[in-house]
């Protein structure tokens, strides 16, 4: 309904892009996001590049990223 009435827009990013969002949030903010949230982080970074500098973006950082660390380490080839 929200999409149909124009109040929501849905977008997708790849798993590799989400992993990039994950790394960026860890590096720049010191926050370990959940992988689900990492998809939104990557998209928000891309969206921000197209917006005027006086616009803000809010991301709801739901979930705990520490639970995803074993999977992320495996993907990145890091032994834990």
N, C-alpha and C. Protein backbone atom coordinates (compact mmCIF):
# COMPACT_ATOMS: atom_id res chain seq x y z
N UNK A 1 0.82 -1.20 0.00
CA UNK A 1 0.00 0.00 0.00
C UNK A 1 0.86 1.27 0.00
N UNK A 2 1.91 1.29 0.82
CA UNK A 2 2.75 2.49 0.89
C UNK A 2 3.43 2.78 -0.44
N UNK A 3 3.85 1.74 -1.13
CA UNK A 3 4.46 1.94 -2.45
C UNK A 3 3.42 2.48 -3.43
N UNK A 4 2.25 1.88 -3.41
CA UNK A 4 1.21 2.28 -4.35
C UNK A 4 0.75 3.72 -4.15
N UNK A 5 0.75 4.19 -2.91
CA UNK A 5 0.30 5.56 -2.66
C UNK A 5 1.46 6.56 -2.71
N UNK A 6 2.69 6.08 -3.02
CA UNK A 6 3.82 6.97 -3.20
C UNK A 6 4.54 7.35 -1.92
N UNK A 7 4.22 6.72 -0.79
CA UNK A 7 4.87 7.07 0.47
C UNK A 7 6.12 6.24 0.74
N UNK A 8 6.36 5.20 -0.07
CA UNK A 8 7.55 4.37 0.12
C UNK A 8 8.13 4.00 -1.24
N UNK A 9 9.45 3.89 -1.25
CA UNK A 9 10.15 3.44 -2.44
C UNK A 9 11.06 2.30 -1.98
N UNK A 10 11.05 1.20 -2.68
CA UNK A 10 11.85 0.04 -2.31
C UNK A 10 13.00 -0.12 -3.30
N UNK A 11 14.19 -0.35 -2.75
CA UNK A 11 15.38 -0.52 -3.56
C UNK A 11 16.13 -1.74 -3.06
N UNK A 12 17.08 -2.21 -3.84
CA UNK A 12 17.86 -3.38 -3.46
C UNK A 12 19.34 -3.12 -3.69
N UNK A 13 20.17 -3.77 -2.89
CA UNK A 13 21.61 -3.77 -3.11
C UNK A 13 22.08 -5.22 -3.05
N UNK A 14 23.22 -5.48 -3.63
CA UNK A 14 23.76 -6.85 -3.64
C UNK A 14 24.38 -7.17 -2.28
N UNK A 15 24.66 -8.43 -2.07
CA UNK A 15 25.33 -8.84 -0.83
C UNK A 15 26.72 -8.23 -0.74
N UNK A 16 27.43 -8.13 -1.85
CA UNK A 16 28.76 -7.51 -1.84
C UNK A 16 28.66 -6.04 -1.46
N UNK A 17 27.65 -5.35 -1.96
CA UNK A 17 27.46 -3.94 -1.61
C UNK A 17 27.10 -3.81 -0.13
N UNK A 18 26.28 -4.71 0.39
CA UNK A 18 25.93 -4.69 1.82
C UNK A 18 27.18 -4.89 2.67
N UNK A 19 28.06 -5.78 2.24
CA UNK A 19 29.29 -6.00 2.98
C UNK A 19 30.16 -4.73 2.98
N UNK A 20 30.14 -4.01 1.88
CA UNK A 20 30.85 -2.73 1.82
C UNK A 20 30.24 -1.74 2.80
N UNK A 21 28.91 -1.68 2.88
CA UNK A 21 28.25 -0.82 3.86
C UNK A 21 28.61 -1.22 5.28
N UNK A 22 28.68 -2.52 5.53
CA UNK A 22 29.08 -3.05 6.84
C UNK A 22 30.47 -2.54 7.21
N UNK A 23 31.41 -2.69 6.28
CA UNK A 23 32.80 -2.26 6.54
C UNK A 23 32.89 -0.76 6.77
N UNK A 24 32.16 0.01 5.98
CA UNK A 24 32.20 1.46 6.12
C UNK A 24 31.67 1.91 7.48
N UNK A 25 30.57 1.30 7.94
CA UNK A 25 30.01 1.69 9.22
C UNK A 25 30.98 1.33 10.35
N UNK A 26 31.61 0.18 10.25
CA UNK A 26 32.62 -0.22 11.25
C UNK A 26 33.79 0.76 11.25
N UNK A 27 34.28 1.08 10.08
CA UNK A 27 35.48 1.92 9.96
C UNK A 27 35.22 3.37 10.37
N UNK A 28 34.14 3.95 9.88
CA UNK A 28 33.93 5.39 10.08
C UNK A 28 33.17 5.73 11.35
N UNK A 29 32.32 4.82 11.83
CA UNK A 29 31.51 5.13 13.00
C UNK A 29 31.80 4.23 14.20
N UNK A 30 32.56 3.15 14.00
CA UNK A 30 32.84 2.25 15.10
C UNK A 30 31.63 1.45 15.55
N UNK A 31 30.67 1.29 14.66
CA UNK A 31 29.44 0.56 14.96
C UNK A 31 29.42 -0.71 14.11
N UNK A 32 29.14 -1.85 14.75
CA UNK A 32 29.03 -3.11 14.02
C UNK A 32 27.55 -3.31 13.68
N UNK A 33 27.14 -3.03 12.43
CA UNK A 33 25.73 -3.17 12.09
C UNK A 33 25.36 -4.62 11.78
N UNK A 34 24.09 -4.94 11.92
CA UNK A 34 23.60 -6.23 11.45
C UNK A 34 23.70 -6.25 9.93
N UNK A 35 23.84 -7.42 9.37
CA UNK A 35 23.94 -7.52 7.90
C UNK A 35 22.68 -6.99 7.23
N UNK A 36 21.53 -7.20 7.84
CA UNK A 36 20.28 -6.68 7.25
C UNK A 36 20.35 -5.15 7.14
N UNK A 37 20.84 -4.51 8.19
CA UNK A 37 20.96 -3.06 8.19
C UNK A 37 22.03 -2.59 7.22
N UNK A 38 23.04 -3.41 6.99
CA UNK A 38 24.13 -3.04 6.08
C UNK A 38 23.64 -2.78 4.66
N UNK A 39 22.57 -3.44 4.26
CA UNK A 39 21.98 -3.16 2.94
C UNK A 39 21.49 -1.72 2.89
N UNK A 40 20.81 -1.29 3.95
CA UNK A 40 20.29 0.08 4.00
C UNK A 40 21.43 1.09 4.09
N UNK A 41 22.48 0.74 4.81
CA UNK A 41 23.63 1.65 4.94
C UNK A 41 24.24 1.92 3.57
N UNK A 42 24.49 0.86 2.81
CA UNK A 42 25.09 1.05 1.49
C UNK A 42 24.19 1.91 0.60
N UNK A 43 22.89 1.59 0.59
CA UNK A 43 21.98 2.37 -0.25
C UNK A 43 21.95 3.83 0.19
N UNK A 44 21.93 4.08 1.50
CA UNK A 44 21.87 5.45 1.99
C UNK A 44 23.11 6.24 1.58
N UNK A 45 24.27 5.59 1.59
CA UNK A 45 25.50 6.26 1.17
C UNK A 45 25.41 6.64 -0.31
N UNK A 46 24.90 5.74 -1.12
CA UNK A 46 24.74 6.04 -2.55
C UNK A 46 23.71 7.16 -2.76
N UNK A 47 22.61 7.08 -2.02
CA UNK A 47 21.57 8.11 -2.13
C UNK A 47 22.11 9.47 -1.71
N UNK A 48 22.89 9.51 -0.65
CA UNK A 48 23.42 10.78 -0.15
C UNK A 48 24.25 11.50 -1.20
N UNK A 49 24.92 10.76 -2.04
CA UNK A 49 25.74 11.37 -3.09
C UNK A 49 24.91 12.16 -4.09
N UNK A 50 23.63 11.84 -4.20
CA UNK A 50 22.77 12.51 -5.17
C UNK A 50 21.92 13.62 -4.56
N UNK A 51 22.00 13.80 -3.25
CA UNK A 51 21.18 14.79 -2.57
C UNK A 51 21.96 16.08 -2.32
N UNK A 52 21.24 17.19 -2.20
CA UNK A 52 21.92 18.43 -1.81
C UNK A 52 22.55 18.30 -0.43
N UNK A 53 23.58 19.07 -0.17
CA UNK A 53 24.32 18.96 1.09
C UNK A 53 23.48 19.34 2.31
N UNK A 54 22.38 20.06 2.14
CA UNK A 54 21.56 20.45 3.29
C UNK A 54 20.48 19.42 3.64
N UNK A 55 20.51 18.26 2.99
CA UNK A 55 19.54 17.19 3.27
C UNK A 55 20.15 16.16 4.21
N UNK A 56 19.32 15.56 5.03
CA UNK A 56 19.75 14.53 5.97
C UNK A 56 19.08 13.21 5.64
N UNK A 57 19.76 12.11 6.03
CA UNK A 57 19.22 10.76 5.89
C UNK A 57 19.28 10.11 7.27
N UNK A 58 18.21 9.43 7.64
CA UNK A 58 18.17 8.72 8.91
C UNK A 58 18.06 7.23 8.61
N UNK A 59 18.94 6.42 9.24
CA UNK A 59 18.89 4.97 9.09
C UNK A 59 18.58 4.37 10.45
N UNK A 60 17.56 3.55 10.52
CA UNK A 60 17.23 2.85 11.76
C UNK A 60 18.17 1.65 11.87
N UNK A 61 19.10 1.73 12.82
CA UNK A 61 20.11 0.69 13.00
C UNK A 61 19.55 -0.41 13.90
N UNK A 62 18.67 -1.21 13.37
CA UNK A 62 18.08 -2.29 14.16
C UNK A 62 18.96 -3.53 14.10
N UNK A 63 18.93 -4.31 15.14
CA UNK A 63 19.70 -5.56 15.14
C UNK A 63 21.09 -5.38 15.69
N UNK A 64 21.72 -6.52 15.97
CA UNK A 64 23.08 -6.53 16.51
C UNK A 64 24.02 -7.16 15.50
N UNK A 65 25.08 -6.44 15.19
CA UNK A 65 26.04 -6.94 14.22
C UNK A 65 27.01 -7.96 14.78
N UNK A 66 27.16 -8.00 16.10
CA UNK A 66 28.11 -8.95 16.65
C UNK A 66 27.71 -10.39 16.35
N UNK A 67 26.43 -10.64 16.20
CA UNK A 67 25.97 -12.00 15.88
C UNK A 67 26.38 -12.41 14.46
N UNK A 68 26.64 -11.44 13.61
CA UNK A 68 27.01 -11.71 12.22
C UNK A 68 28.52 -11.80 12.00
N UNK A 69 29.31 -11.48 13.03
CA UNK A 69 30.76 -11.42 12.86
C UNK A 69 31.38 -12.73 12.36
N UNK A 70 30.97 -13.92 12.86
CA UNK A 70 31.57 -15.14 12.31
C UNK A 70 31.33 -15.30 10.80
N UNK A 71 30.13 -14.95 10.36
CA UNK A 71 29.82 -15.05 8.93
C UNK A 71 30.61 -14.03 8.13
N UNK A 72 30.70 -12.80 8.61
CA UNK A 72 31.46 -11.76 7.91
C UNK A 72 32.93 -12.14 7.86
N UNK A 73 33.48 -12.64 8.95
CA UNK A 73 34.88 -13.05 8.96
C UNK A 73 35.12 -14.15 7.93
N UNK A 74 34.23 -15.11 7.86
CA UNK A 74 34.36 -16.20 6.89
C UNK A 74 34.35 -15.64 5.47
N UNK A 75 33.44 -14.73 5.18
CA UNK A 75 33.34 -14.13 3.84
C UNK A 75 34.62 -13.37 3.50
N UNK A 76 35.19 -12.69 4.50
CA UNK A 76 36.38 -11.88 4.27
C UNK A 76 37.67 -12.70 4.36
N UNK A 77 37.54 -13.99 4.65
CA UNK A 77 38.71 -14.84 4.73
C UNK A 77 39.54 -14.64 5.98
N UNK A 78 38.89 -14.22 7.05
CA UNK A 78 39.59 -13.96 8.32
C UNK A 78 39.33 -15.15 9.24
N UNK A 79 40.40 -15.67 9.82
CA UNK A 79 40.29 -16.79 10.76
C UNK A 79 39.91 -16.26 12.13
N UNK A 80 38.84 -16.78 12.73
CA UNK A 80 38.46 -16.38 14.09
C UNK A 80 38.45 -17.57 15.03
